[in-house]
Amino acid sequence: MATIDEFKAQLIGGGPRANRFKIFIPRAGDKIEFLAKGGTIPPAVLGQVDVQWRGHVLKLAGDRTFANWTVTILNDVEFSARTALEAWQQEIQEMGGGAGSTTTDYLISRAFVEQLN
């Protein structure tokens, strides 16, 4: 049986932290990268599709959905992450005039979330 010290020795750097992330959002001609603090990694829920086949009900994999993820941004002294996210929001719909973008350039295809040690 392993001792506590042997167990701790296997966790390089103490193991990953469930509340430290680096987030990178590539955008059209721009990028947003910041450090963040989150509660947990959101779970993935795999739906189920029941299919009738020769008198049996087959349970097949359905759509995968992810729970909402609340994130707290760790800003630098220049507030660069906040400034970039606010500029992105203004591009989607201006706060003062209500006019919005006429193109879909403000959309992203994906964001990259890296869990830090």
N, C-alpha and C. Protein backbone atom coordinates (compact mmCIF):
# COMPACT_ATOMS: atom_id res chain seq x y z
N MET A 1 0.84 -1.17 0.00
CA MET A 1 0.00 0.00 0.00
C MET A 1 0.89 1.24 0.00
N ALA A 2 0.52 2.22 -0.81
CA ALA A 2 1.32 3.44 -0.94
C ALA A 2 1.12 4.35 0.27
N THR A 3 2.17 5.06 0.60
CA THR A 3 2.08 6.04 1.68
C THR A 3 1.66 7.39 1.11
N ILE A 4 1.33 8.30 1.98
CA ILE A 4 0.95 9.65 1.56
C ILE A 4 2.10 10.31 0.80
N ASP A 5 3.32 10.14 1.27
CA ASP A 5 4.48 10.75 0.61
C ASP A 5 4.67 10.19 -0.80
N GLU A 6 4.45 8.89 -0.98
CA GLU A 6 4.57 8.30 -2.32
C GLU A 6 3.47 8.82 -3.24
N PHE A 7 2.28 8.99 -2.70
CA PHE A 7 1.17 9.53 -3.48
C PHE A 7 1.46 10.97 -3.91
N LYS A 8 1.93 11.80 -2.97
CA LYS A 8 2.24 13.19 -3.28
C LYS A 8 3.38 13.31 -4.28
N ALA A 9 4.33 12.38 -4.24
CA ALA A 9 5.46 12.42 -5.17
C ALA A 9 5.01 12.18 -6.61
N GLN A 10 3.90 11.49 -6.81
CA GLN A 10 3.39 11.23 -8.16
C GLN A 10 2.68 12.44 -8.76
N LEU A 11 2.25 13.38 -7.94
CA LEU A 11 1.57 14.58 -8.42
C LEU A 11 2.60 15.67 -8.65
N ILE A 12 3.09 15.75 -9.86
CA ILE A 12 4.12 16.74 -10.19
C ILE A 12 3.53 18.14 -10.04
N GLY A 13 4.18 18.96 -9.24
CA GLY A 13 3.68 20.32 -9.02
C GLY A 13 2.45 20.36 -8.14
N GLY A 14 2.10 19.27 -7.51
CA GLY A 14 0.92 19.24 -6.65
C GLY A 14 -0.36 18.88 -7.38
N GLY A 15 -0.28 18.65 -8.68
CA GLY A 15 -1.47 18.32 -9.46
C GLY A 15 -2.12 19.57 -10.02
N PRO A 16 -3.01 19.42 -10.98
CA PRO A 16 -3.65 20.59 -11.58
C PRO A 16 -4.62 21.25 -10.61
N ARG A 17 -4.72 22.55 -10.72
CA ARG A 17 -5.64 23.32 -9.89
C ARG A 17 -6.97 23.46 -10.63
N ALA A 18 -8.05 23.23 -9.95
CA ALA A 18 -9.37 23.28 -10.59
C ALA A 18 -9.88 24.71 -10.74
N ASN A 19 -9.09 25.70 -10.34
CA ASN A 19 -9.58 27.07 -10.42
C ASN A 19 -8.57 28.02 -11.05
N ARG A 20 -7.65 27.52 -11.88
CA ARG A 20 -6.69 28.38 -12.57
C ARG A 20 -6.66 27.98 -14.05
N PHE A 21 -6.97 28.95 -14.91
CA PHE A 21 -7.06 28.68 -16.33
C PHE A 21 -6.41 29.80 -17.13
N LYS A 22 -5.92 29.46 -18.32
CA LYS A 22 -5.50 30.46 -19.30
C LYS A 22 -6.46 30.32 -20.47
N ILE A 23 -7.08 31.41 -20.86
CA ILE A 23 -8.09 31.38 -21.91
C ILE A 23 -7.60 32.19 -23.10
N PHE A 24 -7.70 31.62 -24.28
CA PHE A 24 -7.27 32.26 -25.51
C PHE A 24 -8.44 32.24 -26.48
N ILE A 25 -8.84 33.43 -26.95
CA ILE A 25 -9.95 33.54 -27.90
C ILE A 25 -9.40 34.18 -29.18
N PRO A 26 -9.16 33.39 -30.22
CA PRO A 26 -8.71 33.99 -31.48
C PRO A 26 -9.90 34.65 -32.17
N ARG A 27 -9.69 35.86 -32.63
CA ARG A 27 -10.76 36.58 -33.33
C ARG A 27 -10.24 37.03 -34.68
N ALA A 28 -11.12 37.53 -35.51
CA ALA A 28 -10.73 38.02 -36.83
C ALA A 28 -9.80 39.23 -36.66
N GLY A 29 -8.52 39.02 -36.94
CA GLY A 29 -7.55 40.10 -36.85
C GLY A 29 -7.17 40.51 -35.44
N ASP A 30 -7.61 39.80 -34.44
CA ASP A 30 -7.34 40.17 -33.05
C ASP A 30 -7.27 38.90 -32.23
N LYS A 31 -6.80 39.03 -31.01
CA LYS A 31 -6.81 37.89 -30.10
C LYS A 31 -7.07 38.40 -28.69
N ILE A 32 -7.69 37.58 -27.90
CA ILE A 32 -7.94 37.90 -26.50
C ILE A 32 -7.35 36.75 -25.69
N GLU A 33 -6.41 37.08 -24.81
CA GLU A 33 -5.79 36.06 -23.97
C GLU A 33 -5.74 36.60 -22.55
N PHE A 34 -6.19 35.79 -21.59
CA PHE A 34 -6.20 36.25 -20.21
C PHE A 34 -6.16 35.06 -19.26
N LEU A 35 -5.80 35.35 -18.02
CA LEU A 35 -5.84 34.35 -16.96
C LEU A 35 -7.19 34.45 -16.27
N ALA A 36 -7.70 33.32 -15.83
CA ALA A 36 -9.03 33.32 -15.24
C ALA A 36 -9.09 32.35 -14.08
N LYS A 37 -10.09 32.58 -13.26
CA LYS A 37 -10.35 31.71 -12.12
C LYS A 37 -11.76 31.17 -12.30
N GLY A 38 -11.93 29.87 -12.27
CA GLY A 38 -13.24 29.27 -12.41
C GLY A 38 -13.49 28.30 -11.28
N GLY A 39 -14.74 27.96 -11.06
CA GLY A 39 -15.06 27.05 -9.97
C GLY A 39 -14.66 25.62 -10.28
N THR A 40 -15.15 25.09 -11.36
CA THR A 40 -14.84 23.72 -11.77
C THR A 40 -14.86 23.66 -13.29
N ILE A 41 -14.33 22.58 -13.82
CA ILE A 41 -14.45 22.35 -15.25
C ILE A 41 -15.88 21.86 -15.49
N PRO A 42 -16.62 22.51 -16.40
CA PRO A 42 -18.03 22.13 -16.58
C PRO A 42 -18.17 20.71 -17.11
N PRO A 43 -19.14 19.98 -16.61
CA PRO A 43 -19.33 18.60 -17.07
C PRO A 43 -19.98 18.55 -18.45
N ALA A 44 -19.72 17.48 -19.15
CA ALA A 44 -20.37 17.22 -20.43
C ALA A 44 -21.46 16.18 -20.18
N VAL A 45 -22.64 16.44 -20.70
CA VAL A 45 -23.76 15.52 -20.54
C VAL A 45 -24.09 14.95 -21.92
N LEU A 46 -24.06 13.64 -22.01
CA LEU A 46 -24.35 12.97 -23.27
C LEU A 46 -25.80 12.53 -23.26
N GLY A 47 -26.57 13.04 -24.20
CA GLY A 47 -27.98 12.70 -24.29
C GLY A 47 -28.18 11.27 -24.78
N GLN A 48 -29.42 10.84 -24.75
CA GLN A 48 -29.74 9.47 -25.13
C GLN A 48 -30.86 9.49 -26.16
N VAL A 49 -30.71 8.67 -27.19
CA VAL A 49 -31.74 8.52 -28.21
C VAL A 49 -32.21 7.08 -28.17
N ASP A 50 -33.51 6.88 -27.94
CA ASP A 50 -34.08 5.53 -27.94
C ASP A 50 -34.54 5.18 -29.35
N VAL A 51 -34.05 4.05 -29.86
CA VAL A 51 -34.39 3.60 -31.20
C VAL A 51 -35.06 2.23 -31.09
N GLN A 52 -36.24 2.11 -31.67
CA GLN A 52 -36.94 0.82 -31.70
C GLN A 52 -36.33 -0.03 -32.82
N TRP A 53 -35.91 -1.24 -32.49
CA TRP A 53 -35.32 -2.12 -33.49
C TRP A 53 -35.67 -3.56 -33.16
N ARG A 54 -36.46 -4.19 -34.01
CA ARG A 54 -36.86 -5.59 -33.87
C ARG A 54 -37.40 -5.92 -32.49
N GLY A 55 -38.25 -5.07 -31.99
CA GLY A 55 -38.88 -5.32 -30.71
C GLY A 55 -38.04 -4.93 -29.51
N HIS A 56 -36.88 -4.37 -29.73
CA HIS A 56 -36.01 -3.93 -28.64
C HIS A 56 -35.85 -2.41 -28.69
N VAL A 57 -35.52 -1.86 -27.57
CA VAL A 57 -35.21 -0.43 -27.51
C VAL A 57 -33.70 -0.30 -27.37
N LEU A 58 -33.07 0.26 -28.40
CA LEU A 58 -31.63 0.49 -28.35
C LEU A 58 -31.39 1.91 -27.84
N LYS A 59 -30.51 2.02 -26.90
CA LYS A 59 -30.16 3.33 -26.35
C LYS A 59 -28.86 3.77 -27.00
N LEU A 60 -28.96 4.77 -27.90
CA LEU A 60 -27.80 5.28 -28.62
C LEU A 60 -27.39 6.64 -28.08
N ALA A 61 -26.14 6.99 -28.32
CA ALA A 61 -25.63 8.28 -27.87
C ALA A 61 -26.30 9.41 -28.65
N GLY A 62 -26.69 10.44 -27.93
CA GLY A 62 -27.33 11.59 -28.54
C GLY A 62 -26.40 12.79 -28.57
N ASP A 63 -26.97 13.97 -28.43
CA ASP A 63 -26.19 15.19 -28.47
C ASP A 63 -25.42 15.38 -27.17
N ARG A 64 -24.23 15.96 -27.29
CA ARG A 64 -23.43 16.29 -26.11
C ARG A 64 -23.66 17.76 -25.78
N THR A 65 -24.03 18.02 -24.54
CA THR A 65 -24.22 19.40 -24.09
C THR A 65 -23.29 19.67 -22.92
N PHE A 66 -22.94 20.93 -22.76
CA PHE A 66 -22.05 21.33 -21.69
C PHE A 66 -22.77 22.31 -20.78
N ALA A 67 -22.51 22.20 -19.50
CA ALA A 67 -23.12 23.12 -18.53
C ALA A 67 -22.49 24.50 -18.69
N ASN A 68 -23.20 25.52 -18.21
CA ASN A 68 -22.65 26.87 -18.23
C ASN A 68 -21.41 26.95 -17.35
N TRP A 69 -20.49 27.81 -17.73
CA TRP A 69 -19.25 27.97 -16.99
C TRP A 69 -19.08 29.44 -16.64
N THR A 70 -19.10 29.73 -15.36
CA THR A 70 -18.87 31.09 -14.90
C THR A 70 -17.39 31.28 -14.69
N VAL A 71 -16.87 32.39 -15.19
CA VAL A 71 -15.43 32.63 -15.12
C VAL A 71 -15.16 34.00 -14.50
N THR A 72 -14.11 34.09 -13.70
CA THR A 72 -13.65 35.35 -13.13
C THR A 72 -12.31 35.68 -13.76
N ILE A 73 -12.22 36.83 -14.42
CA ILE A 73 -11.00 37.21 -15.13
C ILE A 73 -10.03 37.84 -14.15
N LEU A 74 -8.77 37.40 -14.21
CA LEU A 74 -7.70 38.00 -13.42
C LEU A 74 -7.04 39.05 -14.31
N ASN A 75 -7.35 40.32 -14.07
CA ASN A 75 -6.89 41.42 -14.92
C ASN A 75 -5.48 41.85 -14.58
N ASP A 76 -4.80 42.44 -15.57
CA ASP A 76 -3.53 43.09 -15.32
C ASP A 76 -3.78 44.56 -15.00
N VAL A 77 -2.73 45.33 -14.76
CA VAL A 77 -2.92 46.73 -14.35
C VAL A 77 -3.45 47.60 -15.48
N GLU A 78 -3.25 47.19 -16.73
CA GLU A 78 -3.79 47.96 -17.86
C GLU A 78 -5.22 47.56 -18.21
N PHE A 79 -5.76 46.56 -17.56
CA PHE A 79 -7.10 46.04 -17.85
C PHE A 79 -7.23 45.64 -19.32
N SER A 80 -6.19 45.00 -19.86
CA SER A 80 -6.18 44.67 -21.28
C SER A 80 -7.25 43.64 -21.64
N ALA A 81 -7.49 42.65 -20.77
CA ALA A 81 -8.54 41.66 -21.06
C ALA A 81 -9.91 42.31 -21.04
N ARG A 82 -10.16 43.16 -20.05
CA ARG A 82 -11.45 43.84 -19.97
C ARG A 82 -11.66 44.75 -21.17
N THR A 83 -10.62 45.50 -21.55
CA THR A 83 -10.72 46.40 -22.69
C THR A 83 -11.03 45.62 -23.97
N ALA A 84 -10.35 44.49 -24.17
CA ALA A 84 -10.59 43.68 -25.37
C ALA A 84 -12.00 43.10 -25.39
N LEU A 85 -12.48 42.62 -24.24
CA LEU A 85 -13.84 42.06 -24.18
C LEU A 85 -14.90 43.14 -24.35
N GLU A 86 -14.67 44.34 -23.80
CA GLU A 86 -15.62 45.43 -23.98
C GLU A 86 -15.65 45.90 -25.44
N ALA A 87 -14.49 45.94 -26.09
CA ALA A 87 -14.46 46.30 -27.51
C ALA A 87 -15.22 45.28 -28.34
N TRP A 88 -15.11 44.01 -27.96
CA TRP A 88 -15.84 42.95 -28.65
C TRP A 88 -17.35 43.14 -28.46
N GLN A 89 -17.78 43.46 -27.24
CA GLN A 89 -19.19 43.71 -26.98
C GLN A 89 -19.70 44.91 -27.78
N GLN A 90 -18.89 45.97 -27.87
CA GLN A 90 -19.28 47.14 -28.64
C GLN A 90 -19.42 46.80 -30.12
N GLU A 91 -18.56 45.89 -30.59
CA GLU A 91 -18.65 45.47 -31.99
C GLU A 91 -19.95 44.73 -32.26
N ILE A 92 -20.40 43.94 -31.29
CA ILE A 92 -21.64 43.20 -31.45
C ILE A 92 -22.83 44.15 -31.43
N GLN A 93 -22.89 45.02 -30.42
CA GLN A 93 -23.95 46.03 -30.34
C GLN A 93 -23.46 47.19 -29.49
N GLU A 94 -23.48 48.39 -30.08
CA GLU A 94 -23.01 49.57 -29.38
C GLU A 94 -23.92 49.89 -28.20
N MET A 95 -23.30 50.30 -27.10
CA MET A 95 -24.08 50.61 -25.89
C MET A 95 -24.89 51.90 -26.06
N GLY A 96 -24.30 52.93 -26.67
CA GLY A 96 -24.97 54.22 -26.77
C GLY A 96 -26.06 54.27 -27.81
N GLY A 97 -25.75 53.82 -29.02
CA GLY A 97 -26.70 53.98 -30.11
C GLY A 97 -27.55 52.77 -30.40
N GLY A 98 -27.15 51.62 -29.95
CA GLY A 98 -27.93 50.41 -30.20
C GLY A 98 -27.65 49.79 -31.55
N ALA A 99 -26.80 50.43 -32.37
CA ALA A 99 -26.47 49.86 -33.68
C ALA A 99 -25.54 48.68 -33.47
N GLY A 100 -25.68 47.69 -34.32
CA GLY A 100 -24.84 46.51 -34.21
C GLY A 100 -24.06 46.26 -35.47
N SER A 101 -23.23 45.27 -35.43
CA SER A 101 -22.43 44.90 -36.59
C SER A 101 -23.33 44.34 -37.68
N THR A 102 -23.00 44.68 -38.92
CA THR A 102 -23.79 44.17 -40.04
C THR A 102 -23.15 42.92 -40.64
N THR A 103 -22.01 42.51 -40.11
CA THR A 103 -21.36 41.29 -40.57
C THR A 103 -21.29 40.30 -39.41
N THR A 104 -20.80 39.14 -39.69
CA THR A 104 -20.66 38.13 -38.64
C THR A 104 -19.20 37.98 -38.21
N ASP A 105 -18.38 39.02 -38.44
CA ASP A 105 -16.97 38.96 -38.06
C ASP A 105 -16.78 38.87 -36.55
N TYR A 106 -17.78 39.29 -35.78
CA TYR A 106 -17.64 39.27 -34.33
C TYR A 106 -17.79 37.86 -33.75
N LEU A 107 -18.26 36.93 -34.56
CA LEU A 107 -18.44 35.56 -34.08
C LEU A 107 -17.10 34.85 -33.99
N ILE A 108 -17.00 33.92 -33.08
CA ILE A 108 -15.78 33.11 -32.97
C ILE A 108 -16.14 31.68 -33.27
N SER A 109 -15.14 30.93 -33.70
CA SER A 109 -15.41 29.52 -33.95
C SER A 109 -15.11 28.68 -32.71
N ARG A 110 -14.17 29.15 -31.89
CA ARG A 110 -13.83 28.39 -30.68
C ARG A 110 -12.99 29.25 -29.76
N ALA A 111 -12.92 28.82 -28.53
CA ALA A 111 -12.03 29.41 -27.53
C ALA A 111 -11.23 28.27 -26.93
N PHE A 112 -10.02 28.55 -26.54
CA PHE A 112 -9.15 27.53 -25.97
C PHE A 112 -8.97 27.81 -24.49
N VAL A 113 -9.28 26.82 -23.67
CA VAL A 113 -9.15 26.93 -22.22
C VAL A 113 -8.11 25.91 -21.77
N GLU A 114 -7.04 26.41 -21.15
CA GLU A 114 -5.96 25.55 -20.69
C GLU A 114 -5.93 25.57 -19.17
N GLN A 115 -6.03 24.42 -18.56
CA GLN A 115 -5.97 24.34 -17.10
C GLN A 115 -4.52 24.42 -16.67
N LEU A 116 -4.23 25.30 -15.72
CA LEU A 116 -2.86 25.51 -15.24
C LEU A 116 -2.58 24.67 -14.01
N ASN A 117 -1.31 24.42 -13.76
CA ASN A 117 -0.90 23.70 -12.56
C ASN A 117 -0.88 24.64 -11.37
